[in-house]
Protein backbone atom coordinates (compact mmCIF):
# COMPACT_ATOMS: atom_id res chain seq x y z
CA MET A 1 -22.49 0.46 21.77
CA GLU A 2 -22.34 3.95 23.91
CA MET A 3 -21.47 6.20 21.87
CA PRO A 4 -17.50 7.28 22.02
CA ARG A 5 -16.36 10.58 23.55
CA ILE A 6 -13.34 12.31 23.00
CA GLU A 7 -11.10 14.61 25.74
CA SER A 8 -8.11 15.17 24.07
CA VAL A 9 -6.26 14.54 21.04
CA THR A 10 -2.92 15.08 20.22
CA PRO A 11 -1.40 15.43 17.07
CA THR A 12 1.38 13.31 16.17
CA SER A 13 3.68 12.48 12.89
CA ASN A 14 2.16 10.39 9.70
CA MET A 15 -1.25 11.74 10.23
CA THR A 16 -2.08 10.10 13.89
CA LEU A 17 -3.68 11.20 16.75
CA ALA A 18 -3.11 10.14 19.95
CA ILE A 19 -6.67 10.25 21.78
CA LYS A 20 -7.82 10.29 25.51
CA TRP A 21 -11.19 9.32 25.71
CA LYS A 22 -14.04 10.20 28.43
CA GLY A 23 -13.53 7.51 30.77
CA GLY A 24 -10.03 6.83 31.04
CA ALA A 25 -9.23 5.16 27.99
CA GLU A 26 -5.90 5.97 25.21
CA SER A 27 -5.68 4.87 22.10
CA SER A 28 -4.25 6.24 18.80
CA ALA A 29 -5.44 6.61 14.93
CA ASN A 30 -3.19 6.38 12.25
CA LEU A 31 -5.47 8.67 9.66
CA VAL A 32 -3.23 8.46 6.70
CA GLY A 33 -5.84 5.89 4.65
CA TRP A 34 -9.09 8.19 5.75
CA ILE A 35 -7.31 11.55 4.41
CA ALA A 36 -5.91 9.56 1.09
CA THR A 37 -9.36 8.88 0.25
CA GLY A 38 -10.76 11.94 1.26
CA GLY A 39 -10.38 13.12 -2.19
CA GLN A 40 -9.64 16.73 -2.27
CA LEU A 41 -12.07 17.40 0.46
CA LEU A 42 -9.58 16.18 3.01
CA ALA A 43 -6.13 16.60 1.32
CA PRO A 44 -5.70 19.96 3.38
CA LEU A 45 -4.55 17.61 6.58
CA LYS A 46 -1.49 16.41 4.42
CA SER A 47 -0.24 20.40 5.09
CA PRO A 48 1.47 19.88 8.56
CA ASP A 49 0.76 23.21 9.58
CA ILE A 50 -3.11 22.10 9.04
CA TRP A 51 -2.55 18.08 11.09
CA LYS A 52 -1.17 20.25 13.94
CA THR A 53 -4.52 22.58 14.38
CA ALA A 54 -6.79 19.37 15.39
CA ALA A 55 -9.06 20.32 18.44
CA VAL A 56 -12.17 18.48 20.01
CA THR A 57 -15.41 20.02 19.50
CA ASP A 58 -18.70 19.44 19.88
CA TYR A 59 -18.43 18.10 23.83
CA GLY A 60 -16.31 15.54 22.78
CA ALA A 61 -18.47 14.54 19.49
CA THR A 62 -15.83 15.72 16.53
CA VAL A 63 -12.37 16.13 16.20
CA GLU A 64 -12.12 19.46 13.59
CA TRP A 65 -9.08 21.17 12.10
CA ALA A 66 -8.19 24.88 10.93
CA GLY A 67 -10.13 24.83 7.06
CA GLU A 68 -13.67 24.44 5.84
CA ASP A 69 -15.32 21.02 6.87
CA LEU A 70 -11.99 19.14 8.18
CA ALA A 71 -13.60 17.12 10.51
CA ILE A 72 -14.17 13.51 11.91
CA ASP A 73 -16.76 12.41 14.07
CA ALA A 74 -16.12 10.27 17.41
CA TYR A 75 -17.86 7.43 16.57
CA HIS A 76 -15.60 7.06 13.39
CA LEU A 77 -12.07 7.81 15.14
CA PHE A 78 -13.07 5.56 17.95
CA GLN A 79 -14.13 2.50 14.78
CA ILE A 80 -10.63 2.86 13.03
CA ALA A 81 -8.81 3.28 15.94
CA GLU A 82 -10.41 0.16 17.27
CA ASP A 83 -9.68 -1.44 14.05
CA GLN A 84 -5.81 -0.31 14.14
CA ARG A 85 -5.35 -2.07 17.95
CA ASP A 86 -3.05 -5.10 17.86
CA PHE A 87 -5.70 -8.60 18.07
CA ASN A 88 -3.76 -10.73 20.15
CA ALA A 89 -4.06 -14.80 21.08
CA ASP A 90 -6.33 -13.48 23.95
CA ASP A 91 -8.62 -11.36 21.68
CA LEU A 92 -8.29 -14.31 19.69
CA ARG A 93 -9.60 -16.83 22.15
CA LYS A 94 -12.13 -14.63 23.26
CA TRP A 95 -13.35 -14.25 19.18
CA GLN A 96 -13.79 -17.96 19.25
CA GLU A 97 -15.85 -18.64 22.29
CA GLU A 98 -18.41 -15.91 21.63
CA ILE A 99 -18.64 -16.90 18.18
CA GLY A 100 -18.86 -20.95 19.69
CA LEU A 101 -16.33 -22.38 16.57
CA SER A 102 -13.86 -25.00 16.99
CA ASN A 103 -10.59 -24.60 15.95
CA ASN A 104 -10.55 -26.29 12.74
CA GLU A 105 -13.52 -24.04 11.94
CA ALA A 106 -11.88 -20.97 12.83
CA ALA A 107 -9.39 -22.17 11.04
CA ASP A 108 -11.59 -22.84 8.00
CA PHE A 109 -13.46 -19.61 8.21
CA LEU A 110 -10.17 -17.76 8.18
CA GLY A 111 -8.71 -19.28 5.39
CA VAL A 112 -5.49 -20.53 6.99
CA THR A 113 -4.45 -24.29 8.41
CA LEU A 114 -5.36 -25.50 11.45
CA ARG A 115 -1.74 -25.18 12.51
CA THR A 116 -1.66 -21.29 11.31
CA TRP A 117 -4.25 -20.76 13.90
CA LYS A 118 -3.19 -23.10 16.86
CA ASN A 119 0.35 -21.05 16.28
CA TYR A 120 -1.88 -17.73 16.33
CA ARG A 121 -3.81 -18.55 19.55
CA ALA A 122 -0.51 -19.52 20.71
CA GLY A 123 0.54 -16.11 20.60
CA ALA A 124 2.57 -16.11 16.85
CA PRO A 125 1.88 -12.78 15.07
CA VAL A 126 -1.79 -12.58 13.27
CA SER A 127 -1.43 -11.60 9.30
CA HIS A 128 -2.76 -8.19 9.28
CA ALA A 129 -5.40 -9.98 6.87
CA VAL A 130 -6.88 -12.03 9.03
CA LYS A 131 -7.18 -9.28 12.01
CA MET A 132 -9.38 -7.18 8.92
CA LEU A 133 -11.26 -10.88 8.87
CA LEU A 134 -11.74 -11.11 12.46
CA ARG A 135 -12.87 -7.63 13.22
CA ALA A 136 -15.57 -7.24 10.51
CA SER A 137 -17.06 -10.44 11.96
CA GLN A 138 -17.25 -9.16 15.24
CA ARG A 139 -18.70 -6.03 13.94
CA ASP A 140 -20.76 -7.77 11.08
CA PRO A 141 -22.64 -11.58 11.69
CA LEU A 142 -23.70 -11.51 8.22
CA LEU A 143 -19.64 -12.72 7.10
CA MET A 144 -20.36 -15.60 9.67
CA HIS A 145 -23.81 -16.41 8.08
CA ALA A 146 -22.40 -16.15 4.54
CA HIS A 147 -19.20 -17.76 4.91
CA TYR A 148 -19.28 -20.00 7.89
CA ARG A 149 -19.28 -23.91 7.06
CA PRO A 150 -19.74 -25.81 9.64
CA ARG A 151 -17.03 -29.34 9.68
CA GLN A 152 -19.36 -32.09 9.92
CA ASN A 153 -18.56 -35.41 12.14
CA GLY A 154 -17.91 -38.47 10.42
CA ARG A 155 -16.91 -40.08 7.52
CA PRO A 156 -18.88 -38.56 4.19
CA LYS A 157 -21.76 -40.17 3.29
CA ALA A 158 -21.34 -42.48 0.03
CA ALA A 159 -22.35 -41.23 -2.96
């Protein structure tokens, strides 16, 4: 993957950044979880006065805020924004095709019923937990290696 570069950011409410990427794509990233887990180092970002100082630096490689060491790099900001992006029926179909799973195997892997999987494919809202698992399995093929169990055709062999 080519390293993402930030063209501009606009700090909005609820610790969210509206991001324009070089190349024209736009997204948003809610950083409340990143800030909450950043301990004392990121605590100053809870201040609205500091939050609104967000600026693109290092030729689009980072976003920095006024204060000491308050920054996030473009790669991690892109990952957060991508993980927060909705996972719709087209994304589901693409994921399933790329991995090559049957409907039953996809449902088994995700821990949902076949009916739920088919509803997702038809456009029903995808649960938050399933979205996280789908995104994680796209980033890390080891999840598939560790947890995928292919379906066996036919009846089970007699014991």
